[in-house]
Amino acid sequence: MPKQKEELFINVADPSLVRRNILESSQQIVEAMKSYEKYKKIKAEKLKKIEELKTILANVRENAAQLRKCLPGTKAIKEQKEERVPNITVLELEQLNAEIRKLEAELNVK
């Protein structure tokens, strides 16, 4: 004898509230799916732009290399050595300052 399925009934207290919750959940899922599709589209565009930039950069590098070949060579400019101030002792420095003050005093007097 085949066994029959027993039907089981459950009492739902507020069926309209349950339907509303299910509908709200479904709407949230749909919104999440839409935002995910938008994200995938933006990501694909970003990858496409990155590839375009890579090809442009490769072209720029190639053109720069060709330009370097066409430009005449330049000689490196040697830097001129700075003249060094001779070592002056403190006494010599004080004597020079004294002479400068004397000369300034004489110029002020005249």
Protein backbone atom coordinates (compact mmCIF):
# COMPACT_ATOMS: atom_id res chain seq x y z
CA MET A 1 0.00 0.00 0.00
CA PRO A 2 1.50 3.32 -1.00
CA LYS A 3 1.96 5.74 1.79
CA GLN A 4 -0.06 8.92 1.37
CA LYS A 5 1.38 12.28 2.12
CA GLU A 6 -0.08 13.91 5.08
CA GLU A 7 -1.04 17.47 4.52
CA LEU A 8 -0.10 19.83 7.23
CA PHE A 9 -1.73 23.20 7.66
CA ILE A 10 -0.14 26.03 9.59
CA ASN A 11 -2.08 29.00 10.75
CA VAL A 12 -0.49 32.33 9.73
CA ALA A 13 -1.57 35.05 12.10
CA ASP A 14 -1.34 38.00 9.67
CA PRO A 15 -0.93 36.84 6.06
CA SER A 16 -0.92 40.38 4.62
CA LEU A 17 2.05 41.30 6.81
CA VAL A 18 3.93 38.18 5.66
CA ARG A 19 3.19 39.01 2.01
CA ARG A 20 4.36 42.60 2.54
CA ASN A 21 7.63 41.39 4.13
CA ILE A 22 8.22 38.97 1.25
CA LEU A 23 7.51 41.71 -1.30
CA GLU A 24 9.85 44.18 0.44
CA SER A 25 12.58 41.53 0.56
CA SER A 26 12.09 40.83 -3.13
CA GLN A 27 12.36 44.55 -3.93
CA GLN A 28 15.59 44.80 -1.93
CA ILE A 29 17.01 41.83 -3.81
CA VAL A 30 16.08 43.41 -7.16
CA GLU A 31 17.75 46.70 -6.13
CA ALA A 32 20.87 44.84 -5.03
CA MET A 33 20.98 42.98 -8.34
CA LYS A 34 20.61 46.29 -10.25
CA SER A 35 23.44 47.90 -8.31
CA TYR A 36 25.63 44.83 -8.88
CA GLU A 37 24.96 44.98 -12.64
CA LYS A 38 25.85 48.69 -12.58
CA TYR A 39 29.06 47.85 -10.72
CA LYS A 40 29.97 45.16 -13.29
CA LYS A 41 29.35 47.62 -16.13
CA ILE A 42 31.53 50.31 -14.53
CA LYS A 43 34.26 47.77 -13.82
CA ALA A 44 34.24 46.61 -17.46
CA GLU A 45 34.47 50.24 -18.64
CA LYS A 46 37.35 50.86 -16.25
CA LEU A 47 39.28 47.86 -17.55
CA LYS A 48 38.63 49.00 -21.12
CA LYS A 49 39.96 52.50 -20.33
CA ILE A 50 43.03 51.02 -18.64
CA GLU A 51 43.78 48.97 -21.75
CA GLU A 52 43.35 52.08 -23.92
CA LEU A 53 45.74 54.00 -21.67
CA LYS A 54 48.28 51.19 -21.89
CA THR A 55 48.24 51.31 -25.68
CA ILE A 56 48.51 55.11 -25.65
CA LEU A 57 51.42 54.93 -23.23
CA ALA A 58 53.17 52.35 -25.40
CA ASN A 59 52.74 54.68 -28.40
CA VAL A 60 54.11 57.61 -26.42
CA ARG A 61 57.15 55.59 -25.37
CA GLU A 62 57.74 54.49 -28.96
CA ASN A 63 57.43 58.07 -30.24
CA ALA A 64 59.74 59.35 -27.51
CA ALA A 65 62.35 56.77 -28.49
CA GLN A 66 62.09 57.83 -32.14
CA LEU A 67 62.39 61.47 -31.12
CA ARG A 68 65.53 60.77 -29.09
CA LYS A 69 67.06 59.10 -32.15
CA CYS A 70 66.30 62.15 -34.30
CA LEU A 71 67.66 64.74 -31.87
CA PRO A 72 71.34 65.64 -32.09
CA GLY A 73 73.58 64.45 -29.30
CA THR A 74 74.56 66.94 -26.62
CA LYS A 75 77.74 67.17 -24.67
CA ALA A 76 77.49 67.12 -20.96
CA ILE A 77 78.09 70.54 -19.49
CA LYS A 78 80.85 70.45 -16.94
CA GLU A 79 80.02 72.28 -13.82
CA GLN A 80 82.35 75.08 -12.97
CA LYS A 81 84.11 74.61 -9.73
CA GLU A 82 83.16 77.16 -7.16
CA GLU A 83 85.93 79.37 -5.92
CA ARG A 84 86.70 78.46 -2.40
CA VAL A 85 87.15 81.10 0.20
CA PRO A 86 90.59 80.82 1.75
CA ASN A 87 90.63 79.77 5.36
CA ILE A 88 90.62 82.86 7.51
CA THR A 89 91.42 82.70 11.17
CA VAL A 90 89.35 84.46 13.76
CA LEU A 91 92.10 87.02 14.37
CA GLU A 92 92.31 87.93 10.72
CA LEU A 93 88.54 88.23 10.57
CA GLU A 94 88.52 90.57 13.56
CA GLN A 95 91.29 92.68 12.01
CA LEU A 96 89.35 92.94 8.75
CA ASN A 97 86.19 93.97 10.62
CA ALA A 98 88.19 96.62 12.51
CA GLU A 99 89.58 98.02 9.27
CA ILE A 100 86.08 98.11 7.77
CA ARG A 101 84.80 100.04 10.78
CA LYS A 102 87.70 102.52 10.47
CA LEU A 103 86.95 103.09 6.80
CA GLU A 104 83.25 103.53 7.49
CA ALA A 105 84.04 106.03 10.27
CA GLU A 106 86.31 108.00 7.91
CA LEU A 107 83.62 108.05 5.23
CA ASN A 108 81.01 109.23 7.70
CA VAL A 109 83.28 112.05 8.95
CA LYS A 110 83.86 113.45 5.48
